Amino acid sequence: MSRREELEALGSKELHDRAVHRAERHLDVRFLWGLMKLVPAAEAAAGQVDQGDFDINHWSGQVADTFRDDDTALSDALRPVYIDYLEKHEDG
């Protein structure tokens, strides 16, 4: 089984946790900043348009949504980002 297949078999919450924790451990600010910028669009794609609008106007909401792991719809929308990141970083 390839690394990508292994990652795709994981749940969205697990992918979020692994990607964010890896970025925190390695001080990967570039990944976290990019993820934070994607949050409003991912929320809109997940049907949370009001939350996306709020986050565009309130950066603190974007930061909180980047690190929290209790929003399944948001984690599902960001699955490809988490998988790509973890696939590039084998220690994920």
PDB file of N, CA and C in Angstrom:
ATOM      1  N   MET A   1       0.849  -1.174   0.000  1.00  0.00           N
ATOM      2  CA  MET A   1       0.000   0.000   0.000  1.00  0.00           C
ATOM      3  C   MET A   1       0.894   1.238   0.000  1.00  0.00           C
ATOM      4  N   SER A   2       0.571   2.202  -0.837  1.00  0.00           N
ATOM      5  CA  SER A   2       1.376   3.422  -0.920  1.00  0.00           C
ATOM      6  C   SER A   2       1.089   4.348   0.260  1.00  0.00           C
ATOM      7  N   ARG A   3       1.982   5.271   0.470  1.00  0.00           N
ATOM      8  CA  ARG A   3       1.811   6.257   1.547  1.00  0.00           C
ATOM      9  C   ARG A   3       0.506   7.013   1.357  1.00  0.00           C
ATOM     10  N   ARG A   4       0.201   7.410   0.123  1.00  0.00           N
ATOM     11  CA  ARG A   4      -1.024   8.153  -0.153  1.00  0.00           C
ATOM     12  C   ARG A   4      -2.254   7.302   0.175  1.00  0.00           C
ATOM     13  N   GLU A   5      -2.240   6.039  -0.198  1.00  0.00           N
ATOM     14  CA  GLU A   5      -3.370   5.158   0.103  1.00  0.00           C
ATOM     15  C   GLU A   5      -3.560   5.007   1.612  1.00  0.00           C
ATOM     16  N   GLU A   6      -2.454   4.909   2.331  1.00  0.00           N
ATOM     17  CA  GLU A   6      -2.535   4.819   3.787  1.00  0.00           C
ATOM     18  C   GLU A   6      -3.181   6.076   4.364  1.00  0.00           C
ATOM     19  N   LEU A   7      -2.767   7.233   3.860  1.00  0.00           N
ATOM     20  CA  LEU A   7      -3.314   8.497   4.352  1.00  0.00           C
ATOM     21  C   LEU A   7      -4.787   8.637   3.988  1.00  0.00           C
ATOM     22  N   GLU A   8      -5.140   8.256   2.778  1.00  0.00           N
ATOM     23  CA  GLU A   8      -6.532   8.374   2.339  1.00  0.00           C
ATOM     24  C   GLU A   8      -7.462   7.469   3.146  1.00  0.00           C
ATOM     25  N   ALA A   9      -6.922   6.420   3.731  1.00  0.00           N
ATOM     26  CA  ALA A   9      -7.730   5.507   4.540  1.00  0.00           C
ATOM     27  C   ALA A   9      -8.052   6.089   5.924  1.00  0.00           C
ATOM     28  N   LEU A  10      -7.325   7.120   6.330  1.00  0.00           N
ATOM     29  CA  LEU A  10      -7.546   7.735   7.640  1.00  0.00           C
ATOM     30  C   LEU A  10      -8.755   8.661   7.608  1.00  0.00           C
ATOM     31  N   GLY A  11      -9.352   8.872   8.761  1.00  0.00           N
ATOM     32  CA  GLY A  11     -10.448   9.823   8.890  1.00  0.00           C
ATOM     33  C   GLY A  11      -9.934  11.255   8.809  1.00  0.00           C
ATOM     34  N   SER A  12     -10.828  12.167   8.512  1.00  0.00           N
ATOM     35  CA  SER A  12     -10.455  13.577   8.370  1.00  0.00           C
ATOM     36  C   SER A  12      -9.897  14.168   9.656  1.00  0.00           C
ATOM     37  N   LYS A  13     -10.474  13.805  10.796  1.00  0.00           N
ATOM     38  CA  LYS A  13      -9.972  14.319  12.074  1.00  0.00           C
ATOM     39  C   LYS A  13      -8.536  13.849  12.307  1.00  0.00           C
ATOM     40  N   GLU A  14      -8.268  12.583  12.023  1.00  0.00           N
ATOM     41  CA  GLU A  14      -6.912  12.048  12.197  1.00  0.00           C
ATOM     42  C   GLU A  14      -5.930  12.763  11.262  1.00  0.00           C
ATOM     43  N   LEU A  15      -6.339  13.011  10.034  1.00  0.00           N
ATOM     44  CA  LEU A  15      -5.477  13.734   9.088  1.00  0.00           C
ATOM     45  C   LEU A  15      -5.186  15.139   9.599  1.00  0.00           C
ATOM     46  N   HIS A  16      -6.232  15.819  10.070  1.00  0.00           N
ATOM     47  CA  HIS A  16      -6.050  17.165  10.629  1.00  0.00           C
ATOM     48  C   HIS A  16      -5.048  17.126  11.772  1.00  0.00           C
ATOM     49  N   ASP A  17      -5.280  16.217  12.711  1.00  0.00           N
ATOM     50  CA  ASP A  17      -4.404  16.136  13.881  1.00  0.00           C
ATOM     51  C   ASP A  17      -2.962  15.868  13.482  1.00  0.00           C
ATOM     52  N   ARG A  18      -2.748  14.930  12.593  1.00  0.00           N
ATOM     53  CA  ARG A  18      -1.376  14.603  12.178  1.00  0.00           C
ATOM     54  C   ARG A  18      -0.707  15.777  11.469  1.00  0.00           C
ATOM     55  N   ALA A  19      -1.428  16.424  10.559  1.00  0.00           N
ATOM     56  CA  ALA A  19      -0.842  17.527   9.786  1.00  0.00           C
ATOM     57  C   ALA A  19      -0.536  18.721  10.685  1.00  0.00           C
ATOM     58  N   VAL A  20      -1.495  19.117  11.491  1.00  0.00           N
ATOM     59  CA  VAL A  20      -1.293  20.285  12.354  1.00  0.00           C
ATOM     60  C   VAL A  20      -0.223  20.009  13.408  1.00  0.00           C
ATOM     61  N   HIS A  21      -0.239  18.838  14.005  1.00  0.00           N
ATOM     62  CA  HIS A  21       0.777  18.514  15.017  1.00  0.00           C
ATOM     63  C   HIS A  21       2.166  18.425  14.395  1.00  0.00           C
ATOM     64  N   ARG A  22       2.259  17.887  13.195  1.00  0.00           N
ATOM     65  CA  ARG A  22       3.556  17.830  12.512  1.00  0.00           C
ATOM     66  C   ARG A  22       4.062  19.250  12.243  1.00  0.00           C
ATOM     67  N   ALA A  23       3.176  20.112  11.768  1.00  0.00           N
ATOM     68  CA  ALA A  23       3.561  21.494  11.488  1.00  0.00           C
ATOM     69  C   ALA A  23       3.970  22.222  12.766  1.00  0.00           C
ATOM     70  N   GLU A  24       3.265  21.979  13.855  1.00  0.00           N
ATOM     71  CA  GLU A  24       3.633  22.597  15.129  1.00  0.00           C
ATOM     72  C   GLU A  24       5.001  22.112  15.606  1.00  0.00           C
ATOM     73  N   ARG A  25       5.230  20.801  15.546  1.00  0.00           N
ATOM     74  CA  ARG A  25       6.514  20.230  15.993  1.00  0.00           C
ATOM     75  C   ARG A  25       7.688  20.783  15.204  1.00  0.00           C
ATOM     76  N   HIS A  26       7.475  20.990  13.911  1.00  0.00           N
ATOM     77  CA  HIS A  26       8.561  21.430  13.038  1.00  0.00           C
ATOM     78  C   HIS A  26       8.524  22.931  12.758  1.00  0.00           C
ATOM     79  N   LEU A  27       7.673  23.625  13.489  1.00  0.00           N
ATOM     80  CA  LEU A  27       7.520  25.079  13.318  1.00  0.00           C
ATOM     81  C   LEU A  27       7.316  25.444  11.847  1.00  0.00           C
ATOM     82  N   ASP A  28       6.459  24.697  11.192  1.00  0.00           N
ATOM     83  CA  ASP A  28       6.192  24.904   9.774  1.00  0.00           C
ATOM     84  C   ASP A  28       5.124  25.988   9.607  1.00  0.00           C
ATOM     85  N   VAL A  29       5.550  27.213   9.797  1.00  0.00           N
ATOM     86  CA  VAL A  29       4.650  28.362   9.737  1.00  0.00           C
ATOM     87  C   VAL A  29       4.070  28.520   8.334  1.00  0.00           C
ATOM     88  N   ARG A  30       4.845  28.188   7.332  1.00  0.00           N
ATOM     89  CA  ARG A  30       4.356  28.308   5.948  1.00  0.00           C
ATOM     90  C   ARG A  30       3.103  27.442   5.741  1.00  0.00           C
ATOM     91  N   PHE A  31       3.134  26.203   6.208  1.00  0.00           N
ATOM     92  CA  PHE A  31       1.971  25.335   6.069  1.00  0.00           C
ATOM     93  C   PHE A  31       0.795  25.878   6.872  1.00  0.00           C
ATOM     94  N   LEU A  32       1.029  26.245   8.122  1.00  0.00           N
ATOM     95  CA  LEU A  32      -0.056  26.725   8.975  1.00  0.00           C
ATOM     96  C   LEU A  32      -0.663  28.013   8.426  1.00  0.00           C
ATOM     97  N   TRP A  33       0.174  28.901   7.906  1.00  0.00           N
ATOM     98  CA  TRP A  33      -0.317  30.149   7.319  1.00  0.00           C
ATOM     99  C   TRP A  33      -1.167  29.841   6.078  1.00  0.00           C
ATOM    100  N   GLY A  34      -0.685  28.946   5.237  1.00  0.00           N
ATOM    101  CA  GLY A  34      -1.444  28.562   4.047  1.00  0.00           C
ATOM    102  C   GLY A  34      -2.758  27.910   4.414  1.00  0.00           C
ATOM    103  N   LEU A  35      -2.744  27.059   5.428  1.00  0.00           N
ATOM    104  CA  LEU A  35      -3.960  26.400   5.892  1.00  0.00           C
ATOM    105  C   LEU A  35      -4.952  27.435   6.421  1.00  0.00           C
ATOM    106  N   MET A  36      -4.446  28.385   7.177  1.00  0.00           N
ATOM    107  CA  MET A  36      -5.301  29.428   7.725  1.00  0.00           C
ATOM    108  C   MET A  36      -5.974  30.226   6.613  1.00  0.00           C
ATOM    109  N   LYS A  37      -5.240  30.494   5.547  1.00  0.00           N
ATOM    110  CA  LYS A  37      -5.813  31.246   4.429  1.00  0.00           C
ATOM    111  C   LYS A  37      -6.888  30.444   3.695  1.00  0.00           C
ATOM    112  N   LEU A  38      -6.818  29.122   3.770  1.00  0.00           N
ATOM    113  CA  LEU A  38      -7.796  28.268   3.089  1.00  0.00           C
ATOM    114  C   LEU A  38      -9.083  28.070   3.885  1.00  0.00           C
ATOM    115  N   VAL A  39      -9.062  28.342   5.169  1.00  0.00           N
ATOM    116  CA  VAL A  39     -10.199  28.044   6.039  1.00  0.00           C
ATOM    117  C   VAL A  39     -11.512  28.673   5.555  1.00  0.00           C
ATOM    118  N   PRO A  40     -11.581  29.974   5.235  1.00  0.00           N
ATOM    119  CA  PRO A  40     -12.873  30.531   4.815  1.00  0.00           C
ATOM    120  C   PRO A  40     -13.445  29.857   3.560  1.00  0.00           C
ATOM    121  N   ALA A  41     -12.606  29.573   2.586  1.00  0.00           N
ATOM    122  CA  ALA A  41     -13.085  28.910   1.370  1.00  0.00           C
ATOM    123  C   ALA A  41     -13.524  27.481   1.666  1.00  0.00           C
ATOM    124  N   ALA A  42     -12.796  26.789   2.536  1.00  0.00           N
ATOM    125  CA  ALA A  42     -13.166  25.418   2.901  1.00  0.00           C
ATOM    126  C   ALA A  42     -14.489  25.408   3.660  1.00  0.00           C
ATOM    127  N   GLU A  43     -14.690  26.399   4.510  1.00  0.00           N
ATOM    128  CA  GLU A  43     -15.968  26.487   5.221  1.00  0.00           C
ATOM    129  C   GLU A  43     -17.112  26.722   4.246  1.00  0.00           C
ATOM    130  N   ALA A  44     -16.913  27.593   3.281  1.00  0.00           N
ATOM    131  CA  ALA A  44     -17.947  27.833   2.279  1.00  0.00           C
ATOM    132  C   ALA A  44     -18.226  26.560   1.487  1.00  0.00           C
ATOM    133  N   ALA A  45     -17.179  25.834   1.112  1.00  0.00           N
ATOM    134  CA  ALA A  45     -17.343  24.583   0.371  1.00  0.00           C
ATOM    135  C   ALA A  45     -18.077  23.537   1.209  1.00  0.00           C
ATOM    136  N   ALA A  46     -17.927  23.621   2.526  1.00  0.00           N
ATOM    137  CA  ALA A  46     -18.586  22.677   3.431  1.00  0.00           C
ATOM    138  C   ALA A  46     -19.998  23.132   3.789  1.00  0.00           C
ATOM    139  N   GLY A  47     -20.459  24.209   3.161  1.00  0.00           N
ATOM    140  CA  GLY A  47     -21.808  24.699   3.430  1.00  0.00           C
ATOM    141  C   GLY A  47     -21.913  25.636   4.610  1.00  0.00           C
ATOM    142  N   GLN A  48     -20.776  26.084   5.126  1.00  0.00           N
ATOM    143  CA  GLN A  48     -20.756  26.984   6.285  1.00  0.00           C
ATOM    144  C   GLN A  48     -20.420  28.400   5.820  1.00  0.00           C
ATOM    145  N   VAL A  49     -21.236  28.927   4.923  1.00  0.00           N
ATOM    146  CA  VAL A  49     -20.960  30.225   4.300  1.00  0.00           C
ATOM    147  C   VAL A  49     -20.888  31.340   5.329  1.00  0.00           C
ATOM    148  N   ASP A  50     -21.802  31.360   6.286  1.00  0.00           N
ATOM    149  CA  ASP A  50     -21.786  32.407   7.316  1.00  0.00           C
ATOM    150  C   ASP A  50     -20.498  32.370   8.133  1.00  0.00           C
ATOM    151  N   GLN A  51     -20.042  31.162   8.476  1.00  0.00           N
ATOM    152  CA  GLN A  51     -18.797  31.035   9.233  1.00  0.00           C
ATOM    153  C   GLN A  51     -17.616  31.504   8.394  1.00  0.00           C
ATOM    154  N   GLY A  52     -17.610  31.171   7.107  1.00  0.00           N
ATOM    155  CA  GLY A  52     -16.558  31.633   6.210  1.00  0.00           C
ATOM    156  C   GLY A  52     -16.520  33.143   6.119  1.00  0.00           C
ATOM    157  N   ASP A  53     -17.695  33.765   5.999  1.00  0.00           N
ATOM    158  CA  ASP A  53     -17.776  35.234   5.959  1.00  0.00           C
ATOM    159  C   ASP A  53     -17.246  35.839   7.252  1.00  0.00           C
ATOM    160  N   PHE A  54     -17.614  35.247   8.385  1.00  0.00           N
ATOM    161  CA  PHE A  54     -17.136  35.740   9.676  1.00  0.00           C
ATOM    162  C   PHE A  54     -15.613  35.677   9.728  1.00  0.00           C
ATOM    163  N   ASP A  55     -15.060  34.537   9.313  1.00  0.00           N
ATOM    164  CA  ASP A  55     -13.612  34.361   9.396  1.00  0.00           C
ATOM    165  C   ASP A  55     -12.847  35.315   8.482  1.00  0.00           C
ATOM    166  N   ILE A  56     -13.441  35.659   7.361  1.00  0.00           N
ATOM    167  CA  ILE A  56     -12.782  36.629   6.471  1.00  0.00           C
ATOM    168  C   ILE A  56     -12.610  37.962   7.185  1.00  0.00           C
ATOM    169  N   ASN A  57     -13.583  38.334   7.988  1.00  0.00           N
ATOM    170  CA  ASN A  57     -13.565  39.627   8.674  1.00  0.00           C
ATOM    171  C   ASN A  57     -12.925  39.585  10.052  1.00  0.00           C
ATOM    172  N   HIS A  58     -12.687  38.407  10.588  1.00  0.00           N
ATOM    173  CA  HIS A  58     -12.127  38.262  11.934  1.00  0.00           C
ATOM    174  C   HIS A  58     -11.018  37.209  11.903  1.00  0.00           C
ATOM    175  N   TRP A  59      -9.798  37.671  11.838  1.00  0.00           N
ATOM    176  CA  TRP A  59      -8.674  36.732  11.703  1.00  0.00           C
ATOM    177  C   TRP A  59      -8.597  35.747  12.861  1.00  0.00           C
ATOM    178  N   SER A  60      -9.084  36.146  14.030  1.00  0.00           N
ATOM    179  CA  SER A  60      -9.017  35.231  15.169  1.00  0.00           C
ATOM    180  C   SER A  60      -9.849  33.974  14.913  1.00  0.00           C
ATOM    181  N   GLY A  61     -10.931  34.110  14.163  1.00  0.00           N
ATOM    182  CA  GLY A  61     -11.733  32.946  13.799  1.00  0.00           C
ATOM    183  C   GLY A  61     -10.977  32.005  12.879  1.00  0.00           C
ATOM    184  N   GLN A  62     -10.222  32.577  11.951  1.00  0.00           N
ATOM    185  CA  GLN A  62      -9.411  31.749  11.056  1.00  0.00           C
ATOM    186  C   GLN A  62      -8.351  30.986  11.837  1.00  0.00           C
ATOM    187  N   VAL A  63      -7.714  31.655  12.773  1.00  0.00           N
ATOM    188  CA  VAL A  63      -6.682  30.996  13.579  1.00  0.00           C
ATOM    189  C   VAL A  63      -7.298  29.855  14.378  1.00  0.00           C
ATOM    190  N   ALA A  64      -8.416  30.120  15.030  1.00  0.00           N
ATOM    191  CA  ALA A  64      -9.064  29.085  15.842  1.00  0.00           C
ATOM    192  C   ALA A  64      -9.480  27.903  14.977  1.00  0.00           C
ATOM    193  N   ASP A  65     -10.044  28.179  13.807  1.00  0.00           N
ATOM    194  CA  ASP A  65     -10.505  27.101  12.933  1.00  0.00           C
ATOM    195  C   ASP A  65      -9.340  26.299  12.356  1.00  0.00           C
ATOM    196  N   THR A  66      -8.196  26.906  12.218  1.00  0.00           N
ATOM    197  CA  THR A  66      -7.025  26.205  11.704  1.00  0.00           C
ATOM    198  C   THR A  66      -6.563  25.131  12.694  1.00  0.00           C
ATOM    199  N   PHE A  67      -6.611  25.442  13.974  1.00  0.00           N
ATOM    200  CA  PHE A  67      -6.078  24.536  14.991  1.00  0.00           C
ATOM    201  C   PHE A  67      -7.109  23.612  15.617  1.00  0.00           C
ATOM    202  N   ARG A  68      -8.381  23.952  15.541  1.00  0.00           N
ATOM    203  CA  ARG A  68      -9.382  23.094  16.182  1.00  0.00           C
ATOM    204  C   ARG A  68      -9.648  21.869  15.318  1.00  0.00           C
ATOM    205  N   ASP A  69     -10.093  20.829  15.963  1.00  0.00           N
ATOM    206  CA  ASP A  69     -10.312  19.579  15.226  1.00  0.00           C
ATOM    207  C   ASP A  69     -11.711  19.018  15.450  1.00  0.00           C
ATOM    208  N   ASP A  70     -12.642  19.878  15.816  1.00  0.00           N
ATOM    209  CA  ASP A  70     -13.982  19.393  16.125  1.00  0.00           C
ATOM    210  C   ASP A  70     -15.010  19.710  15.043  1.00  0.00           C
ATOM    211  N   ASP A  71     -14.568  20.171  13.899  1.00  0.00           N
ATOM    212  CA  ASP A  71     -15.478  20.508  12.812  1.00  0.00           C
ATOM    213  C   ASP A  71     -15.266  19.511  11.674  1.00  0.00           C
ATOM    214  N   THR A  72     -16.072  18.479  11.643  1.00  0.00           N
ATOM    215  CA  THR A  72     -15.913  17.412  10.668  1.00  0.00           C
ATOM    216  C   THR A  72     -16.047  17.918   9.241  1.00  0.00           C
ATOM    217  N   ALA A  73     -17.012  18.803   8.990  1.00  0.00           N
ATOM    218  CA  ALA A  73     -17.223  19.312   7.637  1.00  0.00           C
ATOM    219  C   ALA A  73     -16.001  20.086   7.153  1.00  0.00           C
ATOM    220  N   LEU A  74     -15.402  20.883   8.026  1.00  0.00           N
ATOM    221  CA  LEU A  74     -14.205  21.640   7.656  1.00  0.00           C
ATOM    222  C   LEU A  74     -13.030  20.699   7.415  1.00  0.00           C
ATOM    223  N   SER A  75     -12.850  19.732   8.298  1.00  0.00           N
ATOM    224  CA  SER A  75     -11.761  18.762   8.115  1.00  0.00           C
ATOM    225  C   SER A  75     -11.947  17.968   6.825  1.00  0.00           C
ATOM    226  N   ASP A  76     -13.188  17.612   6.512  1.00  0.00           N
ATOM    227  CA  ASP A  76     -13.463  16.897   5.260  1.00  0.00           C
ATOM    228  C   ASP A  76     -13.093  17.753   4.051  1.00  0.00           C
ATOM    229  N   ALA A  77     -13.413  19.035   4.108  1.00  0.00           N
ATOM    230  CA  ALA A  77     -13.106  19.936   2.994  1.00  0.00           C
ATOM    231  C   ALA A  77     -11.599  20.128   2.817  1.00  0.00           C
ATOM    232  N   LEU A  78     -10.851  20.008   3.904  1.00  0.00           N
ATOM    233  CA  LEU A  78      -9.403  20.225   3.851  1.00  0.00           C
ATOM    234  C   LEU A  78      -8.595  18.927   3.718  1.00  0.00           C
ATOM    235  N   ARG A  79      -9.272  17.788   3.584  1.00  0.00           N
ATOM    236  CA  ARG A  79      -8.592  16.490   3.453  1.00  0.00           C
ATOM    237  C   ARG A  79      -7.461  16.501   2.429  1.00  0.00           C
ATOM    238  N   PRO A  80      -7.707  17.011   1.212  1.00  0.00           N
ATOM    239  CA  PRO A  80      -6.621  16.976   0.207  1.00  0.00           C
ATOM    240  C   PRO A  80      -5.383  17.753   0.645  1.00  0.00           C
ATOM    241  N   VAL A  81      -5.587  18.840   1.368  1.00  0.00           N
ATOM    242  CA  VAL A  81      -4.460  19.650   1.854  1.00  0.00           C
ATOM    243  C   VAL A  81      -3.663  18.856   2.881  1.00  0.00           C
ATOM    244  N   TYR A  82      -4.364  18.232   3.810  1.00  0.00           N
ATOM    245  CA  TYR A  82      -3.685  17.427   4.834  1.00  0.00           C
ATOM    246  C   TYR A  82      -2.932  16.254   4.201  1.00  0.00           C
ATOM    247  N   ILE A  83      -3.575  15.563   3.280  1.00  0.00           N
ATOM    248  CA  ILE A  83      -2.952  14.396   2.649  1.00  0.00           C
ATOM    249  C   ILE A  83      -1.711  14.804   1.873  1.00  0.00           C
ATOM    250  N   ASP A  84      -1.804  15.878   1.082  1.00  0.00           N
ATOM    251  CA  ASP A  84      -0.637  16.338   0.318  1.00  0.00           C
ATOM    252  C   ASP A  84       0.517  16.697   1.242  1.00  0.00           C
ATOM    253  N   TYR A  85       0.207  17.398   2.319  1.00  0.00           N
ATOM    254  CA  TYR A  85       1.242  17.806   3.262  1.00  0.00           C
ATOM    255  C   TYR A  85       1.902  16.598   3.918  1.00  0.00           C
ATOM    256  N   LEU A  86       1.102  15.683   4.408  1.00  0.00           N
ATOM    257  CA  LEU A  86       1.653  14.511   5.093  1.00  0.00           C
ATOM    258  C   LEU A  86       2.393  13.596   4.124  1.00  0.00           C
ATOM    259  N   GLU A  87       1.942  13.524   2.907  1.00  0.00           N
ATOM    260  CA  GLU A  87       2.630  12.696   1.921  1.00  0.00           C
ATOM    261  C   GLU A  87       4.031  13.239   1.627  1.00  0.00           C
ATOM    262  N   LYS A  88       4.165  14.550   1.641  1.00  0.00           N
ATOM    263  CA  LYS A  88       5.472  15.185   1.380  1.00  0.00           C
ATOM    264  C   LYS A  88       6.407  15.073   2.577  1.00  0.00           C
ATOM    265  N   HIS A  89       5.851  14.839   3.747  1.00  0.00           N
ATOM    266  CA  HIS A  89       6.641  14.778   4.979  1.00  0.00           C
ATOM    267  C   HIS A  89       6.447  13.411   5.613  1.00  0.00           C
ATOM    268  N   GLU A  90       7.269  12.498   5.238  1.00  0.00           N
ATOM    269  CA  GLU A  90       7.132  11.092   5.640  1.00  0.00           C
ATOM    270  C   GLU A  90       7.054  10.879   7.136  1.00  0.00           C
ATOM    271  N   ASP A  91       7.573  11.803   7.920  1.00  0.00           N
ATOM    272  CA  ASP A  91       7.538  11.621   9.382  1.00  0.00           C
ATOM    273  C   ASP A  91       6.186  12.004   9.967  1.00  0.00           C
ATOM    274  N   GLY A  92       5.238  12.509   9.111  1.00  0.00           N
ATOM    275  CA  GLY A  92       3.925  12.982   9.515  1.00  0.00           C
ATOM    276  C   GLY A  92       3.293  12.208  10.567  1.00  0.00           C
TER     277      GLY A  92
END
